[in-house]
Structure formats: C-alpha cells, structure tokens
Amino acid sequence: MSITEVFGEYRCGKTQLAHTLCVTTQLPKDLGGAEGKIAYIDTEGTFRPERLKEIAERFTLDSEQVLENISYARALNSEHQMELIEKLGSNFADGSYRLLIIDSIMAQFRVDYSGRGELGERQQKLNQMLGRLNRLAEEYNVAVFLTNQVQSDPGASALFAAADGRKPIGGHVLAHASATRIMLRKGRGDERVAKLQDSPDMPERDATYCISEGGIQDVA
C-alpha cells in the first residue's frame, strides 16, 4: 500500500533487483513471498525474460509459470507511461496482483521535458502520475516499486544527496511520494551496498549484496 524507490548509478543493480522481485513476489507466503502476480512497466527496454528464467531456477520455480504471472508493457514516452498506469485498475481488480514495478520512473520524463523552462510542467505531470500510483497502491493493496536514476549535484546540498554529490532525479515531488527510499551504490570488487535512507517504520541501515546468476543475493 505504498511506494518504494531505489536509486543509484549505472550498473549498481536496480534492474536486477526489479527482476529478482518479479520472482520472489510469486513465492509462497511462508517463504517470504506474496503468492501474487506482477505488473511491469519498462521505460528503457531493459526487461529480460531470459534473466527471469535464471532467477526462477534459483528459487526452484517453474520459469514458464513465472513469466506467465508477469504482465509486461513497454512505455514509449511519459504520456504513454501514464496511460498504462491508468489502465492498471482493471488488472488489479481481481486481487491477484501484489506488485507493480516501473523501471525506471524518470527515464521518459528526462527525454520529454528538457531544460529548466519545462521543469515546472514536468514536475506537475510527475506529481499527477505519483498520485495515481499511490491511489492504486492503497485501493488494491499492492506494493509499488520504482527504480530511479541519479544526477550530479555540484553543491551537494540536497536533502537526499549521496556522499559523492549525486542525488536522485525527480526532486521533492518524488521524494515526498516515496514512503521508502533506498540508495544503491558500488562497493568493493563485485559487491554493492544498499542504504535505507528514508522509511516510516525502519531506521537507517546498510546492507551489502552482490549480483549473481540467480539475481540479487546477500553477502554473508
């Protein structure tokens, strides 16, 4: 019933986490899953069915059934992205869906609205989209998972800026809409680090993970 946002630089595992969630959401509840279907909106063409098959094998799930339980759509621009979101209510009405993934939330907005002159209109459209996502989450009791990109912040003074001066795109509109925000970054070697930055019920903390053939995995 809320929005979770993960943001980070290129190759830190955002899409891999989205793919892993596509599989783990289908696990039985006693194994930490939600026994539900997934709606996946892809804005950058990074969805890979063959990757899902590899992750399904790790969790000993039938790969064809896993793919069948995912409703996939490719958003061509920000307006099309909103149209796809508007249509989701009819899919969610039967109660079988437990997760909505948008990978990534801001990619099409960056293309459609460039420059400071269009920033106000972009944020207004983004706010409308996020409002719709929050209503879907609450009305149909689904989790909404968004991936987001980062940009340089020379001043490094933004509230949610990382230590290296990078901050998530979308400004305060996206920051306020996301109930939970997680920053992903590269660690040592093949390791990655996830930092929980904002949550209504959990303290800030870090977790180390790696990207393997079977998806995102904890590092012991």
C-alpha atoms as a PDB file:
ATOM      1  CA  MET A   1       0.000   0.000   0.000  1.00  0.00           C
ATOM      2  CA  SER A   2       2.927   2.376  -0.569  1.00  0.00           C
ATOM      3  CA  ILE A   3       5.747   3.337  -2.921  1.00  0.00           C
ATOM      4  CA  THR A   4       9.330   2.131  -2.538  1.00  0.00           C
ATOM      5  CA  GLU A   5      12.001   3.849  -4.609  1.00  0.00           C
ATOM      6  CA  VAL A   6      15.546   2.633  -5.235  1.00  0.00           C
ATOM      7  CA  PHE A   7      18.029   4.929  -6.910  1.00  0.00           C
ATOM      8  CA  GLY A   8      21.652   4.684  -7.909  1.00  0.00           C
ATOM      9  CA  GLU A   9      24.228   4.944 -10.643  1.00  0.00           C
ATOM     10  CA  TYR A  10      24.583   2.716 -13.690  1.00  0.00           C
ATOM     11  CA  ARG A  11      25.311  -0.972 -13.008  1.00  0.00           C
ATOM     12  CA  CYS A  12      24.521  -0.904  -9.300  1.00  0.00           C
ATOM     13  CA  GLY A  13      21.693  -3.450  -9.597  1.00  0.00           C
ATOM     14  CA  LYS A  14      18.429  -1.510  -9.870  1.00  0.00           C
ATOM     15  CA  THR A  15      17.001  -3.558 -12.750  1.00  0.00           C
ATOM     16  CA  GLN A  16      18.448  -6.774 -11.302  1.00  0.00           C
ATOM     17  CA  LEU A  17      16.572  -6.066  -8.075  1.00  0.00           C
ATOM     18  CA  ALA A  18      13.386  -5.473 -10.066  1.00  0.00           C
ATOM     19  CA  HIS A  19      13.857  -8.810 -11.862  1.00  0.00           C
ATOM     20  CA  THR A  20      14.515 -10.611  -8.569  1.00  0.00           C
ATOM     21  CA  LEU A  21      11.334  -9.137  -7.073  1.00  0.00           C
ATOM     22  CA  CYS A  22       9.373 -10.420 -10.081  1.00  0.00           C
ATOM     23  CA  VAL A  23      10.275 -13.924  -8.928  1.00  0.00           C
ATOM     24  CA  THR A  24      10.247 -13.617  -5.128  1.00  0.00           C
ATOM     25  CA  THR A  25       6.798 -11.992  -5.181  1.00  0.00           C
ATOM     26  CA  GLN A  26       5.474 -15.278  -6.544  1.00  0.00           C
ATOM     27  CA  LEU A  27       6.934 -17.384  -3.728  1.00  0.00           C
ATOM     28  CA  PRO A  28       4.611 -18.845  -1.073  1.00  0.00           C
ATOM     29  CA  LYS A  29       3.988 -16.590   1.903  1.00  0.00           C
ATOM     30  CA  ASP A  30       5.756 -18.974   4.277  1.00  0.00           C
ATOM     31  CA  LEU A  31       8.914 -18.446   2.194  1.00  0.00           C
ATOM     32  CA  GLY A  32       8.650 -14.656   2.298  1.00  0.00           C
ATOM     33  CA  GLY A  33       6.728 -14.215  -0.944  1.00  0.00           C
ATOM     34  CA  ALA A  34       3.306 -12.773  -1.670  1.00  0.00           C
ATOM     35  CA  GLU A  35       1.818 -15.518  -3.879  1.00  0.00           C
ATOM     36  CA  GLY A  36       0.809 -12.890  -6.421  1.00  0.00           C
ATOM     37  CA  LYS A  37       1.200 -11.551  -9.932  1.00  0.00           C
ATOM     38  CA  ILE A  38       3.327  -8.631 -11.059  1.00  0.00           C
ATOM     39  CA  ALA A  39       2.700  -5.706 -13.410  1.00  0.00           C
ATOM     40  CA  TYR A  40       5.925  -4.446 -15.001  1.00  0.00           C
ATOM     41  CA  ILE A  41       6.250  -1.149 -16.890  1.00  0.00           C
ATOM     42  CA  ASP A  42       9.580  -0.917 -18.706  1.00  0.00           C
ATOM     43  CA  THR A  43      10.661   2.576 -19.808  1.00  0.00           C
ATOM     44  CA  GLU A  44      14.190   1.792 -21.017  1.00  0.00           C
ATOM     45  CA  GLY A  45      13.931  -1.594 -22.725  1.00  0.00           C
ATOM     46  CA  THR A  46      15.884  -3.417 -20.014  1.00  0.00           C
ATOM     47  CA  PHE A  47      13.352  -6.180 -19.225  1.00  0.00           C
ATOM     48  CA  ARG A  48      14.885  -9.617 -19.905  1.00  0.00           C
ATOM     49  CA  PRO A  49      12.692 -12.775 -19.780  1.00  0.00           C
ATOM     50  CA  GLU A  50      15.803 -14.974 -20.003  1.00  0.00           C
ATOM     51  CA  ARG A  51      17.126 -13.336 -16.827  1.00  0.00           C
ATOM     52  CA  LEU A  52      13.901 -14.167 -15.021  1.00  0.00           C
ATOM     53  CA  LYS A  53      14.301 -17.817 -16.002  1.00  0.00           C
ATOM     54  CA  GLU A  54      17.732 -17.915 -14.353  1.00  0.00           C
ATOM     55  CA  ILE A  55      16.384 -16.355 -11.162  1.00  0.00           C
ATOM     56  CA  ALA A  56      13.376 -18.708 -11.157  1.00  0.00           C
ATOM     57  CA  GLU A  57      15.756 -21.678 -11.212  1.00  0.00           C
ATOM     58  CA  ARG A  58      17.478 -20.386  -8.082  1.00  0.00           C
ATOM     59  CA  PHE A  59      14.131 -20.427  -6.247  1.00  0.00           C
ATOM     60  CA  THR A  60      13.079 -23.756  -7.846  1.00  0.00           C
ATOM     61  CA  LEU A  61      10.053 -22.186  -9.528  1.00  0.00           C
ATOM     62  CA  ASP A  62       8.695 -23.103 -12.943  1.00  0.00           C
ATOM     63  CA  SER A  63      10.180 -20.450 -15.261  1.00  0.00           C
ATOM     64  CA  GLU A  64       7.296 -20.513 -17.741  1.00  0.00           C
ATOM     65  CA  GLN A  65       4.766 -20.047 -14.953  1.00  0.00           C
ATOM     66  CA  VAL A  66       6.847 -17.205 -13.533  1.00  0.00           C
ATOM     67  CA  LEU A  67       6.758 -15.403 -16.889  1.00  0.00           C
ATOM     68  CA  GLU A  68       3.041 -16.047 -17.263  1.00  0.00           C
ATOM     69  CA  ASN A  69       2.376 -14.277 -13.968  1.00  0.00           C
ATOM     70  CA  ILE A  70       4.054 -11.061 -15.152  1.00  0.00           C
ATOM     71  CA  SER A  71       2.056  -8.516 -17.161  1.00  0.00           C
ATOM     72  CA  TYR A  72       4.635  -6.562 -19.156  1.00  0.00           C
ATOM     73  CA  ALA A  73       4.332  -3.274 -21.039  1.00  0.00           C
ATOM     74  CA  ARG A  74       6.899  -1.015 -22.701  1.00  0.00           C
ATOM     75  CA  ALA A  75       6.278   2.716 -22.152  1.00  0.00           C
ATOM     76  CA  LEU A  76       7.241   4.733 -25.238  1.00  0.00           C
ATOM     77  CA  ASN A  77       7.028   8.200 -23.623  1.00  0.00           C
ATOM     78  CA  SER A  78       5.807   9.823 -20.411  1.00  0.00           C
ATOM     79  CA  GLU A  79       2.269  10.225 -21.731  1.00  0.00           C
ATOM     80  CA  HIS A  80       2.100   6.557 -22.718  1.00  0.00           C
ATOM     81  CA  GLN A  81       3.500   5.679 -19.290  1.00  0.00           C
ATOM     82  CA  MET A  82       0.580   7.485 -17.655  1.00  0.00           C
ATOM     83  CA  GLU A  83      -1.910   5.728 -19.956  1.00  0.00           C
ATOM     84  CA  LEU A  84      -0.521   2.350 -18.939  1.00  0.00           C
ATOM     85  CA  ILE A  85      -0.838   3.245 -15.252  1.00  0.00           C
ATOM     86  CA  GLU A  86      -4.429   4.421 -15.754  1.00  0.00           C
ATOM     87  CA  LYS A  87      -5.353   1.033 -17.231  1.00  0.00           C
ATOM     88  CA  LEU A  88      -3.950  -0.977 -14.332  1.00  0.00           C
ATOM     89  CA  GLY A  89      -7.065  -0.687 -12.170  1.00  0.00           C
ATOM     90  CA  SER A  90      -8.891  -3.230 -14.334  1.00  0.00           C
ATOM     91  CA  ASN A  91      -5.975  -5.673 -13.934  1.00  0.00           C
ATOM     92  CA  PHE A  92      -5.749  -5.214 -10.175  1.00  0.00           C
ATOM     93  CA  ALA A  93      -9.485  -5.523  -9.541  1.00  0.00           C
ATOM     94  CA  ASP A  94      -9.430  -9.328  -9.134  1.00  0.00           C
ATOM     95  CA  GLY A  95      -6.923  -9.106  -6.258  1.00  0.00           C
ATOM     96  CA  SER A  96      -4.320 -11.397  -7.818  1.00  0.00           C
ATOM     97  CA  TYR A  97      -1.656  -8.705  -8.282  1.00  0.00           C
ATOM     98  CA  ARG A  98       0.708  -7.911  -5.422  1.00  0.00           C
ATOM     99  CA  LEU A  99       3.410  -5.784  -7.051  1.00  0.00           C
ATOM    100  CA  LEU A 100       3.771  -3.007  -9.635  1.00  0.00           C
ATOM    101  CA  ILE A 101       7.265  -2.240 -10.941  1.00  0.00           C
ATOM    102  CA  ILE A 102       8.267   0.797 -13.008  1.00  0.00           C
ATOM    103  CA  ASP A 103      11.845   0.632 -14.302  1.00  0.00           C
ATOM    104  CA  SER A 104      12.622   3.484 -14.385  1.00  0.00           C
ATOM    105  CA  ILE A 105      10.183   6.159 -13.268  1.00  0.00           C
ATOM    106  CA  MET A 106      12.032   9.224 -14.621  1.00  0.00           C
ATOM    107  CA  ALA A 107      13.656   7.984 -17.857  1.00  0.00           C
ATOM    108  CA  GLN A 108      10.875   9.142 -20.199  1.00  0.00           C
ATOM    109  CA  PHE A 109      10.395  12.426 -18.319  1.00  0.00           C
ATOM    110  CA  ARG A 110      14.068  13.291 -18.871  1.00  0.00           C
ATOM    111  CA  VAL A 111      13.569  12.865 -22.622  1.00  0.00           C
ATOM    112  CA  ASP A 112      10.181  14.587 -22.909  1.00  0.00           C
ATOM    113  CA  TYR A 113      10.988  17.582 -20.691  1.00  0.00           C
ATOM    114  CA  SER A 114      14.457  19.043 -21.109  1.00  0.00           C
ATOM    115  CA  GLY A 115      15.802  22.275 -19.705  1.00  0.00           C
ATOM    116  CA  ARG A 116      14.702  24.497 -16.842  1.00  0.00           C
ATOM    117  CA  GLY A 117      11.924  26.036 -18.921  1.00  0.00           C
ATOM    118  CA  GLU A 118       9.986  22.764 -18.881  1.00  0.00           C
ATOM    119  CA  LEU A 119      10.816  21.776 -15.303  1.00  0.00           C
ATOM    120  CA  GLY A 120       7.558  23.117 -13.860  1.00  0.00           C
ATOM    121  CA  GLU A 121       5.404  21.207 -16.343  1.00  0.00           C
ATOM    122  CA  ARG A 122       7.478  18.065 -15.838  1.00  0.00           C
ATOM    123  CA  GLN A 123       7.042  18.156 -12.067  1.00  0.00           C
ATOM    124  CA  GLN A 124       3.308  18.765 -12.418  1.00  0.00           C
ATOM    125  CA  LYS A 125       2.900  15.734 -14.698  1.00  0.00           C
ATOM    126  CA  LEU A 126       5.118  13.662 -12.426  1.00  0.00           C
ATOM    127  CA  ASN A 127       3.052  14.647  -9.396  1.00  0.00           C
ATOM    128  CA  GLN A 128      -0.138  13.522 -11.155  1.00  0.00           C
ATOM    129  CA  MET A 129       1.450  10.183 -12.008  1.00  0.00           C
ATOM    130  CA  LEU A 130       2.703   9.593  -8.475  1.00  0.00           C
ATOM    131  CA  GLY A 131      -0.716  10.490  -7.080  1.00  0.00           C
ATOM    132  CA  ARG A 132      -2.265   7.837  -9.297  1.00  0.00           C
ATOM    133  CA  LEU A 133       0.344   5.280  -8.205  1.00  0.00           C
ATOM    134  CA  ASN A 134      -0.359   5.972  -4.532  1.00  0.00           C
ATOM    135  CA  ARG A 135      -4.088   5.536  -5.111  1.00  0.00           C
ATOM    136  CA  LEU A 136      -3.511   2.215  -6.882  1.00  0.00           C
ATOM    137  CA  ALA A 137      -1.308   1.028  -4.029  1.00  0.00           C
ATOM    138  CA  GLU A 138      -3.871   1.907  -1.386  1.00  0.00           C
ATOM    139  CA  GLU A 139      -7.013   0.865  -3.246  1.00  0.00           C
ATOM    140  CA  TYR A 140      -5.752  -2.541  -4.383  1.00  0.00           C
ATOM    141  CA  ASN A 141      -3.236  -3.272  -1.601  1.00  0.00           C
ATOM    142  CA  VAL A 142      -0.258  -3.651  -3.920  1.00  0.00           C
ATOM    143  CA  ALA A 143       3.372  -2.667  -3.419  1.00  0.00           C
ATOM    144  CA  VAL A 144       4.748  -0.144  -5.919  1.00  0.00           C
ATOM    145  CA  PHE A 145       8.461  -0.442  -6.684  1.00  0.00           C
ATOM    146  CA  LEU A 146      10.203   2.319  -8.634  1.00  0.00           C
ATOM    147  CA  THR A 147      13.770   2.462  -9.885  1.00  0.00           C
ATOM    148  CA  ASN A 148      15.320   5.870 -10.419  1.00  0.00           C
ATOM    149  CA  GLN A 149      18.462   7.387 -11.854  1.00  0.00           C
ATOM    150  CA  VAL A 150      20.835   9.868 -10.239  1.00  0.00           C
ATOM    151  CA  GLN A 151      22.399  13.108 -11.397  1.00  0.00           C
ATOM    152  CA  SER A 152      25.344  15.197 -10.265  1.00  0.00           C
ATOM    153  CA  ASP A 153      24.741  17.855  -7.640  1.00  0.00           C
ATOM    154  CA  PRO A 154      27.812  20.147  -7.597  1.00  0.00           C
ATOM    155  CA  GLY A 155      26.576  21.898  -4.472  1.00  0.00           C
ATOM    156  CA  ALA A 156      25.952  18.575  -2.733  1.00  0.00           C
ATOM    157  CA  SER A 157      23.459  20.372  -0.537  1.00  0.00           C
ATOM    158  CA  ALA A 158      20.255  18.491  -1.414  1.00  0.00           C
ATOM    159  CA  LEU A 159      18.499  16.763   1.441  1.00  0.00           C
ATOM    160  CA  PHE A 160      18.764  13.347  -0.207  1.00  0.00           C
ATOM    161  CA  ALA A 161      22.143  13.772  -1.919  1.00  0.00           C
ATOM    162  CA  ALA A 162      24.657  10.959  -1.569  1.00  0.00           C
ATOM    163  CA  ALA A 163      28.140  11.414  -0.151  1.00  0.00           C
ATOM    164  CA  ASP A 164      29.608  11.689  -3.671  1.00  0.00           C
ATOM    165  CA  GLY A 165      27.287  14.578  -4.525  1.00  0.00           C
ATOM    166  CA  ARG A 166      24.808  12.582  -6.609  1.00  0.00           C
ATOM    167  CA  LYS A 167      21.102  12.799  -5.980  1.00  0.00           C
ATOM    168  CA  PRO A 168      18.003  11.046  -7.317  1.00  0.00           C
ATOM    169  CA  ILE A 169      16.106  12.711 -10.154  1.00  0.00           C
ATOM    170  CA  GLY A 170      12.577  13.953  -9.546  1.00  0.00           C
ATOM    171  CA  GLY A 171      13.192  16.478  -6.788  1.00  0.00           C
ATOM    172  CA  HIS A 172      10.922  16.913  -3.782  1.00  0.00           C
ATOM    173  CA  VAL A 173       7.851  15.681  -5.686  1.00  0.00           C
ATOM    174  CA  LEU A 174       9.264  12.172  -5.928  1.00  0.00           C
ATOM    175  CA  ALA A 175      10.926  12.347  -2.510  1.00  0.00           C
ATOM    176  CA  HIS A 176       7.614  13.050  -0.769  1.00  0.00           C
ATOM    177  CA  ALA A 177       5.669  10.438  -2.751  1.00  0.00           C
ATOM    178  CA  SER A 178       8.058   7.590  -1.898  1.00  0.00           C
ATOM    179  CA  ALA A 179       7.385   6.146   1.531  1.00  0.00           C
ATOM    180  CA  THR A 180      10.655   4.190   1.432  1.00  0.00           C
ATOM    181  CA  ARG A 181      13.842   5.307  -0.334  1.00  0.00           C
ATOM    182  CA  ILE A 182      16.910   3.139  -0.832  1.00  0.00           C
ATOM    183  CA  MET A 183      20.193   4.261  -2.346  1.00  0.00           C
ATOM    184  CA  LEU A 184      22.280   1.667  -4.209  1.00  0.00           C
ATOM    185  CA  ARG A 185      25.991   2.156  -4.854  1.00  0.00           C
ATOM    186  CA  LYS A 186      29.026   0.162  -5.900  1.00  0.00           C
ATOM    187  CA  GLY A 187      31.168  -1.328  -3.160  1.00  0.00           C
ATOM    188  CA  ARG A 188      34.477  -3.193  -3.192  1.00  0.00           C
ATOM    189  CA  GLY A 189      35.041  -5.585  -6.073  1.00  0.00           C
ATOM    190  CA  ASP A 190      31.768  -7.182  -7.140  1.00  0.00           C
ATOM    191  CA  GLU A 191      29.937  -6.046  -4.017  1.00  0.00           C
ATOM    192  CA  ARG A 192      27.176  -3.444  -3.941  1.00  0.00           C
ATOM    193  CA  VAL A 193      25.758  -1.533  -0.963  1.00  0.00           C
ATOM    194  CA  ALA A 194      22.127  -0.636  -0.304  1.00  0.00           C
ATOM    195  CA  LYS A 195      21.454   2.170   2.174  1.00  0.00           C
ATOM    196  CA  LEU A 196      17.973   2.646   3.577  1.00  0.00           C
ATOM    197  CA  GLN A 197      17.644   6.438   3.591  1.00  0.00           C
ATOM    198  CA  ASP A 198      14.008   7.013   4.429  1.00  0.00           C
ATOM    199  CA  SER A 199      11.333   4.751   5.883  1.00  0.00           C
ATOM    200  CA  PRO A 200       8.237   5.240   8.048  1.00  0.00           C
ATOM    201  CA  ASP A 201       8.980   2.223  10.240  1.00  0.00           C
ATOM    202  CA  MET A 202      12.691   1.291   9.916  1.00  0.00           C
ATOM    203  CA  PRO A 203      15.906   3.071  10.967  1.00  0.00           C
ATOM    204  CA  GLU A 204      18.669   3.948   8.515  1.00  0.00           C
ATOM    205  CA  ARG A 205      20.887   0.969   7.799  1.00  0.00           C
ATOM    206  CA  ASP A 206      23.183  -0.568   5.184  1.00  0.00           C
ATOM    207  CA  ALA A 207      23.171  -3.966   3.519  1.00  0.00           C
ATOM    208  CA  THR A 208      25.827  -5.484   1.258  1.00  0.00           C
ATOM    209  CA  TYR A 209      24.773  -7.590  -1.716  1.00  0.00           C
ATOM    210  CA  CYS A 210      26.078  -8.998  -4.973  1.00  0.00           C
ATOM    211  CA  ILE A 211      24.544  -9.652  -8.392  1.00  0.00           C
ATOM    212  CA  SER A 212      24.788 -13.343  -9.309  1.00  0.00           C
ATOM    213  CA  GLU A 213      23.275 -15.620 -11.908  1.00  0.00           C
ATOM    214  CA  GLY A 214      20.353 -16.110  -9.532  1.00  0.00           C
ATOM    215  CA  GLY A 215      19.676 -12.386  -9.088  1.00  0.00           C
ATOM    216  CA  ILE A 216      20.333 -10.165  -6.062  1.00  0.00           C
ATOM    217  CA  GLN A 217      21.856 -12.033  -3.112  1.00  0.00           C
ATOM    218  CA  ASP A 218      23.024 -11.031   0.367  1.00  0.00           C
ATOM    219  CA  VAL A 219      26.728 -11.101   1.116  1.00  0.00           C
ATOM    220  CA  ALA A 220      27.424 -13.173   4.213  1.00  0.00           C
END
